[in-house]
Amino acid sequence: MQKQGSGLLSYSSLVHAVAGGCGSAVAMSAFFPLDTVRTRLQLEEGRTSKNTFVQMMEIYRQEGLVGLYRGLLPVIESLYCSNFVYFYTFHGLKRVANREQAAVKDLLLAMMAGSVNVMVTNPLWVVNTRLKMQGVQRQRPQNGVPSTSSSTITPTSTPAIPNHHYKGMLDGLRRVWREEGLSGLWSGAASSLILTVNPAIQFMVYEAAKRQAQRMAGNNSLSSSTVFMVGAAAKTVATVLTYPIQLVQAKQRHGHSYEGLSQKAGIVTLLMYILRTHGPRGLFKGLEAKLLQTVLAAALMFVCYEKIAAAVFAVLMGRRRVAAVAV
C-alpha cells in the first residue's frame, strides 16, 4: 500500500473509508425508527401516509420496540460495507483525478464511486430489505373498509416473493442465490445505478458548501454545527430530486409485482404505473419520513466522519513525529 500522500491505494483513502463507514453506522443507529417508517410506507400497500411520528407510534403500539428496530443489524452491516466502499473509492479517485477540487469533477467521481459501490454491495441491500420486512403482517383495512388515501397502492398489488424467514444476512444471501439466482441478488441494480446521482449530488453540494464555509472561516476548522447544517442541506437536495427512483428501487428489491405487470417490470414501467394509479403524490409516498431520517442521518454521519477522520489522521501524524524523533 502506498503512503498516505499519494494514489488511489493510500492510507488516506483507508482512513476516509473507515471514518465514513463508522459515521454512517452511528447515524443510522440513532435514527433507525425513521427508516423503519419510510420502509413501511414504501412497501406496505395498505398503510396510508400520515405524520411520521404518528406512524412511528402506530408501529410501536402494534409491534413494540421490536417493530421499530426490526432489521437493524443487517442494515448496519450493509451500510458500513457500502459506505466503506464508497468513501474509499471516492477519495481515492479524488486524490488521483481532482487535485484542483472542481465541483463538476466531484460530481462525476462520486457517480463513479457510486457505481462501484452498487455492483459490490447490491446483494446486501436486497437481503437487507427483505429482513426488514420479515415477519411484518400485511396491514388490513380498519373496520373492513379499504383506505381511500390517494397515496395508497391498490390492494391488488402484493409481494411476489414468498415470505421466507431468513436467519440472517449470510443465510439470506445463500437462499436468494439458490432460489432466484443472480437476478434476485441484483434486483434493483438498474435503479441503484441511476441513483448513484443521489450521493453524487450530495457530495458535490457538500464539498462545494464545505469549501465555501472553510473560506469564510479562514484558517479555523469548521464547527460541528456548521458541518451538520452543510451535510443536511446537501442530503435534502439529493433526496428530493431522486426520491421516485428510490421508491421504485425499494419495491424491486422487495420483489413487488402488481396486477397486470411482471415482477421484473422496469423502472419506467413501475413509475408510470404508480403515477397513473395514484398521481404525483404516489411517487412521493414516505418522502417526509425519508427526509427526516436521511437528512438527519447524513448530517450526523458527516459530523462523525469528519471527527473520526481528523482523530485518526492526528494519531497517524503523531506516530510519525515520534518515529522521526526516535530516529
C-alpha atoms as a PDB file:
ATOM      1  CA  MET A   1       0.000   0.000   0.000  1.00  0.00           C
ATOM      2  CA  GLN A   2       1.229   3.452  -0.837  1.00  0.00           C
ATOM      3  CA  LYS A   3       1.981   6.158   1.644  1.00  0.00           C
ATOM      4  CA  GLN A   4      -0.649   8.463   2.986  1.00  0.00           C
ATOM      5  CA  GLY A   5       0.014  11.207   0.474  1.00  0.00           C
ATOM      6  CA  SER A   6      -0.363   9.545  -2.923  1.00  0.00           C
ATOM      7  CA  GLY A   7      -2.536   7.495  -5.200  1.00  0.00           C
ATOM      8  CA  LEU A   8      -5.763   5.534  -5.162  1.00  0.00           C
ATOM      9  CA  LEU A   9      -4.405   2.923  -2.724  1.00  0.00           C
ATOM     10  CA  SER A  10      -3.395   5.113   0.190  1.00  0.00           C
ATOM     11  CA  TYR A  11      -3.650   5.318   3.961  1.00  0.00           C
ATOM     12  CA  SER A  12      -5.654   8.496   3.462  1.00  0.00           C
ATOM     13  CA  SER A  13      -8.328   6.704   1.414  1.00  0.00           C
ATOM     14  CA  LEU A  14      -8.456   3.915   4.011  1.00  0.00           C
ATOM     15  CA  VAL A  15      -8.936   6.421   6.838  1.00  0.00           C
ATOM     16  CA  HIS A  16     -11.772   8.132   4.944  1.00  0.00           C
ATOM     17  CA  ALA A  17     -13.381   4.729   4.278  1.00  0.00           C
ATOM     18  CA  VAL A  18     -13.241   3.615   7.917  1.00  0.00           C
ATOM     19  CA  ALA A  19     -14.478   7.023   9.116  1.00  0.00           C
ATOM     20  CA  GLY A  20     -17.316   7.030   6.575  1.00  0.00           C
ATOM     21  CA  GLY A  21     -18.384   3.505   7.483  1.00  0.00           C
ATOM     22  CA  CYS A  22     -18.313   4.183  11.231  1.00  0.00           C
ATOM     23  CA  GLY A  23     -20.054   7.545  10.853  1.00  0.00           C
ATOM     24  CA  SER A  24     -22.878   6.061   8.795  1.00  0.00           C
ATOM     25  CA  ALA A  25     -23.347   3.197  11.279  1.00  0.00           C
ATOM     26  CA  VAL A  26     -23.637   5.622  14.206  1.00  0.00           C
ATOM     27  CA  ALA A  27     -26.062   7.873  12.316  1.00  0.00           C
ATOM     28  CA  MET A  28     -28.313   5.033  11.144  1.00  0.00           C
ATOM     29  CA  SER A  29     -28.454   3.564  14.656  1.00  0.00           C
ATOM     30  CA  ALA A  30     -29.544   6.939  16.032  1.00  0.00           C
ATOM     31  CA  PHE A  31     -32.386   7.442  13.530  1.00  0.00           C
ATOM     32  CA  PHE A  32     -33.351   3.876  12.612  1.00  0.00           C
ATOM     33  CA  PRO A  33     -37.056   4.110  13.606  1.00  0.00           C
ATOM     34  CA  LEU A  34     -37.474   6.841  10.973  1.00  0.00           C
ATOM     35  CA  ASP A  35     -36.034   4.480   8.361  1.00  0.00           C
ATOM     36  CA  THR A  36     -38.480   1.798   9.523  1.00  0.00           C
ATOM     37  CA  VAL A  37     -41.409   4.177   8.924  1.00  0.00           C
ATOM     38  CA  ARG A  38     -40.062   5.056   5.480  1.00  0.00           C
ATOM     39  CA  THR A  39     -39.698   1.387   4.523  1.00  0.00           C
ATOM     40  CA  ARG A  40     -43.187   0.510   5.740  1.00  0.00           C
ATOM     41  CA  LEU A  41     -44.751   3.380   3.779  1.00  0.00           C
ATOM     42  CA  GLN A  42     -42.903   2.360   0.630  1.00  0.00           C
ATOM     43  CA  LEU A  43     -43.664  -1.373   0.863  1.00  0.00           C
ATOM     44  CA  GLU A  44     -46.840  -1.906   2.922  1.00  0.00           C
ATOM     45  CA  GLU A  45     -49.507  -1.170   0.369  1.00  0.00           C
ATOM     46  CA  GLY A  46     -52.370  -0.828   2.843  1.00  0.00           C
ATOM     47  CA  ARG A  47     -50.571   1.718   5.036  1.00  0.00           C
ATOM     48  CA  THR A  48     -51.743   5.267   4.404  1.00  0.00           C
ATOM     49  CA  SER A  49     -49.459   8.280   4.600  1.00  0.00           C
ATOM     50  CA  LYS A  50     -49.720  10.091   7.914  1.00  0.00           C
ATOM     51  CA  ASN A  51     -47.476  12.252  10.036  1.00  0.00           C
ATOM     52  CA  THR A  52     -44.166  10.425  10.511  1.00  0.00           C
ATOM     53  CA  PHE A  53     -44.316  10.438  14.306  1.00  0.00           C
ATOM     54  CA  VAL A  54     -47.949   9.231  14.247  1.00  0.00           C
ATOM     55  CA  GLN A  55     -46.786   6.330  12.076  1.00  0.00           C
ATOM     56  CA  MET A  56     -43.952   5.626  14.493  1.00  0.00           C
ATOM     57  CA  MET A  57     -46.299   5.459  17.465  1.00  0.00           C
ATOM     58  CA  GLU A  58     -48.699   3.271  15.490  1.00  0.00           C
ATOM     59  CA  ILE A  59     -45.951   0.733  14.773  1.00  0.00           C
ATOM     60  CA  TYR A  60     -44.812   0.894  18.408  1.00  0.00           C
ATOM     61  CA  ARG A  61     -48.343   0.206  19.704  1.00  0.00           C
ATOM     62  CA  GLN A  62     -48.840  -2.704  17.302  1.00  0.00           C
ATOM     63  CA  GLU A  63     -45.394  -4.320  17.474  1.00  0.00           C
ATOM     64  CA  GLY A  64     -43.401  -2.688  20.287  1.00  0.00           C
ATOM     65  CA  LEU A  65     -39.736  -1.661  20.017  1.00  0.00           C
ATOM     66  CA  VAL A  66     -39.031  -4.814  18.013  1.00  0.00           C
ATOM     67  CA  GLY A  67     -41.143  -3.395  15.174  1.00  0.00           C
ATOM     68  CA  LEU A  68     -39.278  -0.079  15.141  1.00  0.00           C
ATOM     69  CA  TYR A  69     -35.842  -1.734  15.219  1.00  0.00           C
ATOM     70  CA  ARG A  70     -36.532  -4.829  13.094  1.00  0.00           C
ATOM     71  CA  GLY A  71     -33.577  -5.473  10.777  1.00  0.00           C
ATOM     72  CA  LEU A  72     -31.180  -3.034  12.490  1.00  0.00           C
ATOM     73  CA  LEU A  73     -28.146  -5.350  12.462  1.00  0.00           C
ATOM     74  CA  PRO A  74     -28.258  -6.242   8.739  1.00  0.00           C
ATOM     75  CA  VAL A  75     -28.833  -2.566   7.907  1.00  0.00           C
ATOM     76  CA  ILE A  76     -25.731  -1.581   9.878  1.00  0.00           C
ATOM     77  CA  GLU A  77     -23.724  -4.383   8.233  1.00  0.00           C
ATOM     78  CA  SER A  78     -24.845  -3.349   4.756  1.00  0.00           C
ATOM     79  CA  LEU A  79     -24.422   0.356   5.419  1.00  0.00           C
ATOM     80  CA  TYR A  80     -20.910   0.004   6.826  1.00  0.00           C
ATOM     81  CA  CYS A  81     -19.779  -2.111   3.851  1.00  0.00           C
ATOM     82  CA  SER A  82     -21.493   0.226   1.392  1.00  0.00           C
ATOM     83  CA  ASN A  83     -20.016   3.419   2.827  1.00  0.00           C
ATOM     84  CA  PHE A  84     -16.579   1.855   3.249  1.00  0.00           C
ATOM     85  CA  VAL A  85     -16.518   1.003  -0.470  1.00  0.00           C
ATOM     86  CA  TYR A  86     -17.986   4.379  -1.443  1.00  0.00           C
ATOM     87  CA  PHE A  87     -15.709   6.594   0.658  1.00  0.00           C
ATOM     88  CA  TYR A  88     -12.589   4.598  -0.247  1.00  0.00           C
ATOM     89  CA  THR A  89     -13.335   4.779  -3.964  1.00  0.00           C
ATOM     90  CA  PHE A  90     -14.455   8.429  -3.955  1.00  0.00           C
ATOM     91  CA  HIS A  91     -11.484   9.772  -2.001  1.00  0.00           C
ATOM     92  CA  GLY A  92      -9.036   7.579  -3.896  1.00  0.00           C
ATOM     93  CA  LEU A  93     -10.337   8.851  -7.238  1.00  0.00           C
ATOM     94  CA  LYS A  94     -10.413  12.406  -5.904  1.00  0.00           C
ATOM     95  CA  ARG A  95      -6.725  12.250  -4.955  1.00  0.00           C
ATOM     96  CA  VAL A  96      -5.822  10.996  -8.404  1.00  0.00           C
ATOM     97  CA  ALA A  97      -8.177  12.940 -10.692  1.00  0.00           C
ATOM     98  CA  ASN A  98      -9.388  16.077  -8.888  1.00  0.00           C
ATOM     99  CA  ARG A  99      -6.462  17.754  -7.181  1.00  0.00           C
ATOM    100  CA  GLU A 100      -7.876  21.140  -8.218  1.00  0.00           C
ATOM    101  CA  GLN A 101     -11.130  20.339  -6.301  1.00  0.00           C
ATOM    102  CA  ALA A 102     -13.564  21.201  -9.111  1.00  0.00           C
ATOM    103  CA  ALA A 103     -17.252  20.704  -8.239  1.00  0.00           C
ATOM    104  CA  VAL A 104     -18.151  19.077 -11.583  1.00  0.00           C
ATOM    105  CA  LYS A 105     -15.309  16.579 -11.204  1.00  0.00           C
ATOM    106  CA  ASP A 106     -16.539  15.818  -7.686  1.00  0.00           C
ATOM    107  CA  LEU A 107     -19.950  15.017  -9.209  1.00  0.00           C
ATOM    108  CA  LEU A 108     -18.512  12.680 -11.860  1.00  0.00           C
ATOM    109  CA  LEU A 109     -16.134  10.949  -9.461  1.00  0.00           C
ATOM    110  CA  ALA A 110     -18.924  10.483  -6.924  1.00  0.00           C
ATOM    111  CA  MET A 111     -21.058   8.799  -9.606  1.00  0.00           C
ATOM    112  CA  MET A 112     -18.158   6.502 -10.487  1.00  0.00           C
ATOM    113  CA  ALA A 113     -17.693   5.628  -6.811  1.00  0.00           C
ATOM    114  CA  GLY A 114     -21.436   5.020  -6.514  1.00  0.00           C
ATOM    115  CA  SER A 115     -21.408   2.640  -9.487  1.00  0.00           C
ATOM    116  CA  VAL A 116     -18.589   0.604  -7.940  1.00  0.00           C
ATOM    117  CA  ASN A 117     -20.495   0.554  -4.653  1.00  0.00           C
ATOM    118  CA  VAL A 118     -23.724  -0.665  -6.319  1.00  0.00           C
ATOM    119  CA  MET A 119     -22.069  -3.533  -8.142  1.00  0.00           C
ATOM    120  CA  VAL A 120     -20.237  -4.680  -4.991  1.00  0.00           C
ATOM    121  CA  THR A 121     -22.936  -4.284  -2.325  1.00  0.00           C
ATOM    122  CA  ASN A 122     -26.348  -4.564  -4.064  1.00  0.00           C
ATOM    123  CA  PRO A 123     -26.935  -8.186  -2.857  1.00  0.00           C
ATOM    124  CA  LEU A 124     -26.526  -6.991   0.742  1.00  0.00           C
ATOM    125  CA  TRP A 125     -29.280  -4.413   0.259  1.00  0.00           C
ATOM    126  CA  VAL A 126     -31.653  -6.918  -1.381  1.00  0.00           C
ATOM    127  CA  VAL A 127     -31.422  -9.231   1.638  1.00  0.00           C
ATOM    128  CA  ASN A 128     -31.451  -6.224   3.970  1.00  0.00           C
ATOM    129  CA  THR A 129     -34.804  -5.008   2.584  1.00  0.00           C
ATOM    130  CA  ARG A 130     -36.371  -8.438   2.957  1.00  0.00           C
ATOM    131  CA  LEU A 131     -35.051  -8.884   6.503  1.00  0.00           C
ATOM    132  CA  LYS A 132     -36.563  -5.528   7.499  1.00  0.00           C
ATOM    133  CA  MET A 133     -39.983  -6.632   6.264  1.00  0.00           C
ATOM    134  CA  GLN A 134     -39.642 -10.173   7.624  1.00  0.00           C
ATOM    135  CA  GLY A 135     -42.500 -11.119   9.889  1.00  0.00           C
ATOM    136  CA  VAL A 136     -44.481  -7.981   9.065  1.00  0.00           C
ATOM    137  CA  GLN A 137     -48.124  -8.782   8.543  1.00  0.00           C
ATOM    138  CA  ARG A 138     -49.867  -7.085   5.660  1.00  0.00           C
ATOM    139  CA  GLN A 139     -51.977  -4.282   7.051  1.00  0.00           C
ATOM    140  CA  ARG A 140     -55.696  -4.947   6.944  1.00  0.00           C
ATOM    141  CA  PRO A 141     -58.097  -2.076   6.268  1.00  0.00           C
ATOM    142  CA  GLN A 142     -59.620  -0.866   9.526  1.00  0.00           C
ATOM    143  CA  ASN A 143     -63.254  -1.911  10.140  1.00  0.00           C
ATOM    144  CA  GLY A 144     -63.173  -3.773   6.851  1.00  0.00           C
ATOM    145  CA  VAL A 145     -63.204  -0.522   4.893  1.00  0.00           C
ATOM    146  CA  PRO A 146     -60.408  -0.052   2.390  1.00  0.00           C
ATOM    147  CA  SER A 147     -58.435   3.151   2.752  1.00  0.00           C
ATOM    148  CA  THR A 148     -59.251   5.861   0.241  1.00  0.00           C
ATOM    149  CA  SER A 149     -55.937   7.684   0.593  1.00  0.00           C
ATOM    150  CA  SER A 150     -54.660   8.771  -2.787  1.00  0.00           C
ATOM    151  CA  SER A 151     -51.155   7.779  -1.704  1.00  0.00           C
ATOM    152  CA  THR A 152     -52.098   4.145  -1.055  1.00  0.00           C
ATOM    153  CA  ILE A 153     -51.294   1.486  -3.655  1.00  0.00           C
ATOM    154  CA  THR A 154     -54.193  -0.646  -4.799  1.00  0.00           C
ATOM    155  CA  PRO A 155     -54.778  -3.749  -2.595  1.00  0.00           C
ATOM    156  CA  THR A 156     -54.352  -5.993  -5.637  1.00  0.00           C
ATOM    157  CA  SER A 157     -50.604  -5.304  -5.566  1.00  0.00           C
ATOM    158  CA  THR A 158     -48.807  -7.905  -3.475  1.00  0.00           C
ATOM    159  CA  PRO A 159     -45.249  -9.035  -2.855  1.00  0.00           C
ATOM    160  CA  ALA A 160     -44.491 -11.729  -5.420  1.00  0.00           C
ATOM    161  CA  ILE A 161     -41.796 -13.462  -3.379  1.00  0.00           C
ATOM    162  CA  PRO A 162     -42.676 -15.928  -0.591  1.00  0.00           C
ATOM    163  CA  ASN A 163     -42.453 -14.587   2.963  1.00  0.00           C
ATOM    164  CA  HIS A 164     -39.291 -16.584   3.762  1.00  0.00           C
ATOM    165  CA  HIS A 165     -37.730 -16.492   7.186  1.00  0.00           C
ATOM    166  CA  TYR A 166     -34.061 -15.691   6.706  1.00  0.00           C
ATOM    167  CA  LYS A 167     -31.812 -16.440   9.682  1.00  0.00           C
ATOM    168  CA  GLY A 168     -29.507 -13.530   8.895  1.00  0.00           C
ATOM    169  CA  MET A 169     -27.519 -11.824   6.173  1.00  0.00           C
ATOM    170  CA  LEU A 170     -25.454 -14.849   5.110  1.00  0.00           C
ATOM    171  CA  ASP A 171     -28.469 -17.173   5.125  1.00  0.00           C
ATOM    172  CA  GLY A 172     -30.427 -14.606   3.109  1.00  0.00           C
ATOM    173  CA  LEU A 173     -27.665 -14.244   0.521  1.00  0.00           C
ATOM    174  CA  ARG A 174     -27.371 -18.024   0.188  1.00  0.00           C
ATOM    175  CA  ARG A 175     -31.114 -18.602  -0.187  1.00  0.00           C
ATOM    176  CA  VAL A 176     -31.729 -15.765  -2.623  1.00  0.00           C
ATOM    177  CA  TRP A 177     -28.821 -17.054  -4.729  1.00  0.00           C
ATOM    178  CA  ARG A 178     -30.215 -20.606  -4.659  1.00  0.00           C
ATOM    179  CA  GLU A 179     -33.864 -19.691  -5.282  1.00  0.00           C
ATOM    180  CA  GLU A 180     -33.635 -16.618  -7.522  1.00  0.00           C
ATOM    181  CA  GLY A 181     -30.131 -16.652  -8.952  1.00  0.00           C
ATOM    182  CA  LEU A 182     -28.038 -13.638  -9.890  1.00  0.00           C
ATOM    183  CA  SER A 183     -31.082 -11.659 -10.993  1.00  0.00           C
ATOM    184  CA  GLY A 184     -32.500 -11.971  -7.469  1.00  0.00           C
ATOM    185  CA  LEU A 185     -29.314 -10.806  -5.777  1.00  0.00           C
ATOM    186  CA  TRP A 186     -29.025  -7.834  -8.098  1.00  0.00           C
ATOM    187  CA  SER A 187     -32.730  -6.877  -8.047  1.00  0.00           C
ATOM    188  CA  GLY A 188     -32.993  -3.114  -8.307  1.00  0.00           C
ATOM    189  CA  ALA A 189     -29.406  -2.745  -9.535  1.00  0.00           C
ATOM    190  CA  ALA A 190     -30.526  -0.682 -12.534  1.00  0.00           C
ATOM    191  CA  SER A 191     -32.385   1.810 -10.346  1.00  0.00           C
ATOM    192  CA  SER A 192     -29.429   1.766  -7.921  1.00  0.00           C
ATOM    193  CA  LEU A 193     -27.073   2.702 -10.752  1.00  0.00           C
ATOM    194  CA  ILE A 194     -29.358   5.595 -11.678  1.00  0.00           C
ATOM    195  CA  LEU A 195     -29.411   6.565  -8.004  1.00  0.00           C
ATOM    196  CA  THR A 196     -25.634   6.988  -7.986  1.00  0.00           C
ATOM    197  CA  VAL A 197     -26.617  10.519  -8.892  1.00  0.00           C
ATOM    198  CA  ASN A 198     -28.025  10.878  -5.343  1.00  0.00           C
ATOM    199  CA  PRO A 199     -24.749  10.634  -3.392  1.00  0.00           C
ATOM    200  CA  ALA A 200     -23.051  12.336  -6.335  1.00  0.00           C
ATOM    201  CA  ILE A 201     -25.290  15.393  -5.939  1.00  0.00           C
ATOM    202  CA  GLN A 202     -24.930  15.111  -2.156  1.00  0.00           C
ATOM    203  CA  PHE A 203     -21.135  15.029  -2.254  1.00  0.00           C
ATOM    204  CA  MET A 204     -20.887  17.752  -4.896  1.00  0.00           C
ATOM    205  CA  VAL A 205     -23.085  20.088  -2.825  1.00  0.00           C
ATOM    206  CA  TYR A 206     -21.347  19.046   0.406  1.00  0.00           C
ATOM    207  CA  GLU A 207     -17.816  19.539  -0.894  1.00  0.00           C
ATOM    208  CA  ALA A 208     -18.681  22.877  -2.551  1.00  0.00           C
ATOM    209  CA  ALA A 209     -20.532  24.186   0.520  1.00  0.00           C
ATOM    210  CA  LYS A 210     -17.774  22.965   2.855  1.00  0.00           C
ATOM    211  CA  ARG A 211     -15.098  24.715   0.789  1.00  0.00           C
ATOM    212  CA  GLN A 212     -17.157  27.915   0.870  1.00  0.00           C
ATOM    213  CA  ALA A 213     -17.651  27.618   4.627  1.00  0.00           C
ATOM    214  CA  GLN A 214     -13.923  26.936   5.048  1.00  0.00           C
ATOM    215  CA  ARG A 215     -13.049  30.084   3.113  1.00  0.00           C
ATOM    216  CA  MET A 216     -15.401  32.094   5.329  1.00  0.00           C
ATOM    217  CA  ALA A 217     -13.871  30.560   8.456  1.00  0.00           C
ATOM    218  CA  GLY A 218     -10.327  31.348   7.339  1.00  0.00           C
ATOM    219  CA  ASN A 219      -7.790  29.038   8.903  1.00  0.00           C
ATOM    220  CA  ASN A 220     -10.188  27.917  11.626  1.00  0.00           C
ATOM    221  CA  SER A 221     -11.611  24.391  11.472  1.00  0.00           C
ATOM    222  CA  LEU A 222     -15.350  24.120  10.869  1.00  0.00           C
ATOM    223  CA  SER A 223     -17.586  23.639  13.895  1.00  0.00           C
ATOM    224  CA  SER A 224     -19.716  20.506  14.269  1.00  0.00           C
ATOM    225  CA  SER A 225     -22.884  22.582  13.854  1.00  0.00           C
ATOM    226  CA  THR A 226     -21.628  24.002  10.534  1.00  0.00           C
ATOM    227  CA  VAL A 227     -20.723  20.550   9.236  1.00  0.00           C
ATOM    228  CA  PHE A 228     -24.145  19.269  10.398  1.00  0.00           C
ATOM    229  CA  MET A 229     -26.000  22.040   8.524  1.00  0.00           C
ATOM    230  CA  VAL A 230     -23.919  21.624   5.369  1.00  0.00           C
ATOM    231  CA  GLY A 231     -24.470  17.857   5.406  1.00  0.00           C
ATOM    232  CA  ALA A 232     -28.214  18.269   5.998  1.00  0.00           C
ATOM    233  CA  ALA A 233     -28.599  20.742   3.131  1.00  0.00           C
ATOM    234  CA  ALA A 234     -26.639  18.534   0.730  1.00  0.00           C
ATOM    235  CA  LYS A 235     -28.720  15.448   1.520  1.00  0.00           C
ATOM    236  CA  THR A 236     -32.024  17.336   1.303  1.00  0.00           C
ATOM    237  CA  VAL A 237     -31.272  18.465  -2.242  1.00  0.00           C
ATOM    238  CA  ALA A 238     -30.183  14.970  -3.325  1.00  0.00           C
ATOM    239  CA  THR A 239     -33.143  13.167  -1.701  1.00  0.00           C
ATOM    240  CA  VAL A 240     -35.927  15.349  -3.104  1.00  0.00           C
ATOM    241  CA  LEU A 241     -34.522  15.152  -6.644  1.00  0.00           C
ATOM    242  CA  THR A 242     -34.203  11.357  -6.662  1.00  0.00           C
ATOM    243  CA  TYR A 243     -36.994  10.082  -4.371  1.00  0.00           C
ATOM    244  CA  PRO A 244     -39.305   8.499  -7.015  1.00  0.00           C
ATOM    245  CA  ILE A 245     -36.426   6.274  -8.172  1.00  0.00           C
ATOM    246  CA  GLN A 246     -35.722   5.344  -4.539  1.00  0.00           C
ATOM    247  CA  LEU A 247     -39.363   4.269  -4.187  1.00  0.00           C
ATOM    248  CA  VAL A 248     -39.092   2.009  -7.244  1.00  0.00           C
ATOM    249  CA  GLN A 249     -35.745   0.673  -6.005  1.00  0.00           C
ATOM    250  CA  ALA A 250     -37.275  -0.420  -2.675  1.00  0.00           C
ATOM    251  CA  LYS A 251     -40.140  -2.207  -4.435  1.00  0.00           C
ATOM    252  CA  GLN A 252     -37.797  -4.018  -6.831  1.00  0.00           C
ATOM    253  CA  ARG A 253     -35.547  -5.193  -4.008  1.00  0.00           C
ATOM    254  CA  HIS A 254     -38.530  -6.455  -2.034  1.00  0.00           C
ATOM    255  CA  GLY A 255     -39.893  -8.350  -5.039  1.00  0.00           C
ATOM    256  CA  HIS A 256     -43.162  -6.463  -5.574  1.00  0.00           C
ATOM    257  CA  SER A 257     -45.385  -7.212  -8.523  1.00  0.00           C
ATOM    258  CA  TYR A 258     -48.656  -5.580  -9.496  1.00  0.00           C
ATOM    259  CA  GLU A 259     -51.734  -6.888 -11.249  1.00  0.00           C
ATOM    260  CA  GLY A 260     -51.046  -6.846 -14.955  1.00  0.00           C
ATOM    261  CA  LEU A 261     -47.306  -6.203 -14.505  1.00  0.00           C
ATOM    262  CA  SER A 262     -44.387  -8.622 -14.456  1.00  0.00           C
ATOM    263  CA  GLN A 263     -42.371  -8.990 -11.246  1.00  0.00           C
ATOM    264  CA  LYS A 264     -39.375  -7.886 -13.324  1.00  0.00           C
ATOM    265  CA  ALA A 265     -41.121  -4.733 -14.564  1.00  0.00           C
ATOM    266  CA  GLY A 266     -38.638  -1.998 -15.395  1.00  0.00           C
ATOM    267  CA  ILE A 267     -38.125   1.361 -13.738  1.00  0.00           C
ATOM    268  CA  VAL A 268     -40.133   3.400 -16.237  1.00  0.00           C
ATOM    269  CA  THR A 269     -42.997   0.859 -16.235  1.00  0.00           C
ATOM    270  CA  LEU A 270     -43.272   0.991 -12.434  1.00  0.00           C
ATOM    271  CA  LEU A 271     -43.005   4.775 -12.337  1.00  0.00           C
ATOM    272  CA  MET A 272     -45.764   5.147 -14.943  1.00  0.00           C
ATOM    273  CA  TYR A 273     -47.958   2.573 -13.156  1.00  0.00           C
ATOM    274  CA  ILE A 274     -47.715   4.399  -9.823  1.00  0.00           C
ATOM    275  CA  LEU A 275     -48.190   7.773 -11.496  1.00  0.00           C
ATOM    276  CA  ARG A 276     -51.222   6.562 -13.466  1.00  0.00           C
ATOM    277  CA  THR A 277     -52.806   4.864 -10.444  1.00  0.00           C
ATOM    278  CA  HIS A 278     -52.104   7.404  -7.711  1.00  0.00           C
ATOM    279  CA  GLY A 279     -50.886  10.554  -9.363  1.00  0.00           C
ATOM    280  CA  PRO A 280     -47.742  12.521  -8.454  1.00  0.00           C
ATOM    281  CA  ARG A 281     -48.355  12.036  -4.708  1.00  0.00           C
ATOM    282  CA  GLY A 282     -47.916   8.295  -5.131  1.00  0.00           C
ATOM    283  CA  LEU A 283     -44.358   8.827  -6.338  1.00  0.00           C
ATOM    284  CA  PHE A 284     -43.501  10.617  -3.098  1.00  0.00           C
ATOM    285  CA  LYS A 285     -45.171   8.319  -0.562  1.00  0.00           C
ATOM    286  CA  GLY A 286     -42.934   8.181   2.514  1.00  0.00           C
ATOM    287  CA  LEU A 287     -40.895  11.263   1.497  1.00  0.00           C
ATOM    288  CA  GLU A 288     -41.437  13.028   4.832  1.00  0.00           C
ATOM    289  CA  ALA A 289     -40.058  10.079   6.812  1.00  0.00           C
ATOM    290  CA  LYS A 290     -37.254   9.620   4.295  1.00  0.00           C
ATOM    291  CA  LEU A 291     -36.240  13.272   4.546  1.00  0.00           C
ATOM    292  CA  LEU A 292     -36.275  13.227   8.338  1.00  0.00           C
ATOM    293  CA  GLN A 293     -34.264  10.022   8.514  1.00  0.00           C
ATOM    294  CA  THR A 294     -31.821  10.508   5.674  1.00  0.00           C
ATOM    295  CA  VAL A 295     -31.148  14.219   6.230  1.00  0.00           C
ATOM    296  CA  LEU A 296     -30.581  13.856   9.972  1.00  0.00           C
ATOM    297  CA  ALA A 297     -28.578  10.655   9.489  1.00  0.00           C
ATOM    298  CA  ALA A 298     -26.473  12.162   6.682  1.00  0.00           C
ATOM    299  CA  ALA A 299     -25.776  15.290   8.719  1.00  0.00           C
ATOM    300  CA  LEU A 300     -24.767  13.255  11.792  1.00  0.00           C
ATOM    301  CA  MET A 301     -22.761  10.889   9.581  1.00  0.00           C
ATOM    302  CA  PHE A 302     -20.724  13.782   8.168  1.00  0.00           C
ATOM    303  CA  VAL A 303     -20.060  15.137  11.677  1.00  0.00           C
ATOM    304  CA  CYS A 304     -18.891  11.691  12.897  1.00  0.00           C
ATOM    305  CA  TYR A 305     -16.941  11.136   9.682  1.00  0.00           C
ATOM    306  CA  GLU A 306     -15.053  14.442   9.957  1.00  0.00           C
ATOM    307  CA  LYS A 307     -14.280  13.887  13.656  1.00  0.00           C
ATOM    308  CA  ILE A 308     -13.174  10.258  13.217  1.00  0.00           C
ATOM    309  CA  ALA A 309     -11.030  11.080  10.168  1.00  0.00           C
ATOM    310  CA  ALA A 310      -9.418  14.041  11.959  1.00  0.00           C
ATOM    311  CA  ALA A 311      -8.706  11.915  15.043  1.00  0.00           C
ATOM    312  CA  VAL A 312      -7.155   9.072  13.030  1.00  0.00           C
ATOM    313  CA  PHE A 313      -5.030  11.465  10.963  1.00  0.00           C
ATOM    314  CA  ALA A 314      -3.875  13.143  14.203  1.00  0.00           C
ATOM    315  CA  VAL A 315      -2.858   9.762  15.636  1.00  0.00           C
ATOM    316  CA  LEU A 316      -1.012   8.813  12.434  1.00  0.00           C
ATOM    317  CA  MET A 317       0.837  12.119  12.268  1.00  0.00           C
ATOM    318  CA  GLY A 318       1.670  11.893  15.974  1.00  0.00           C
ATOM    319  CA  ARG A 319       3.195   8.452  15.492  1.00  0.00           C
ATOM    320  CA  ARG A 320       5.228   9.690  12.545  1.00  0.00           C
ATOM    321  CA  ARG A 321       6.605  12.584  14.588  1.00  0.00           C
ATOM    322  CA  VAL A 322       7.519  10.186  17.426  1.00  0.00           C
ATOM    323  CA  ALA A 323       9.222   7.861  14.929  1.00  0.00           C
ATOM    324  CA  ALA A 324      11.121  10.773  13.387  1.00  0.00           C
ATOM    325  CA  VAL A 325      12.380  11.925  16.809  1.00  0.00           C
ATOM    326  CA  ALA A 326      13.408   8.351  17.680  1.00  0.00           C
ATOM    327  CA  VAL A 327      15.465   8.129  14.504  1.00  0.00           C
END
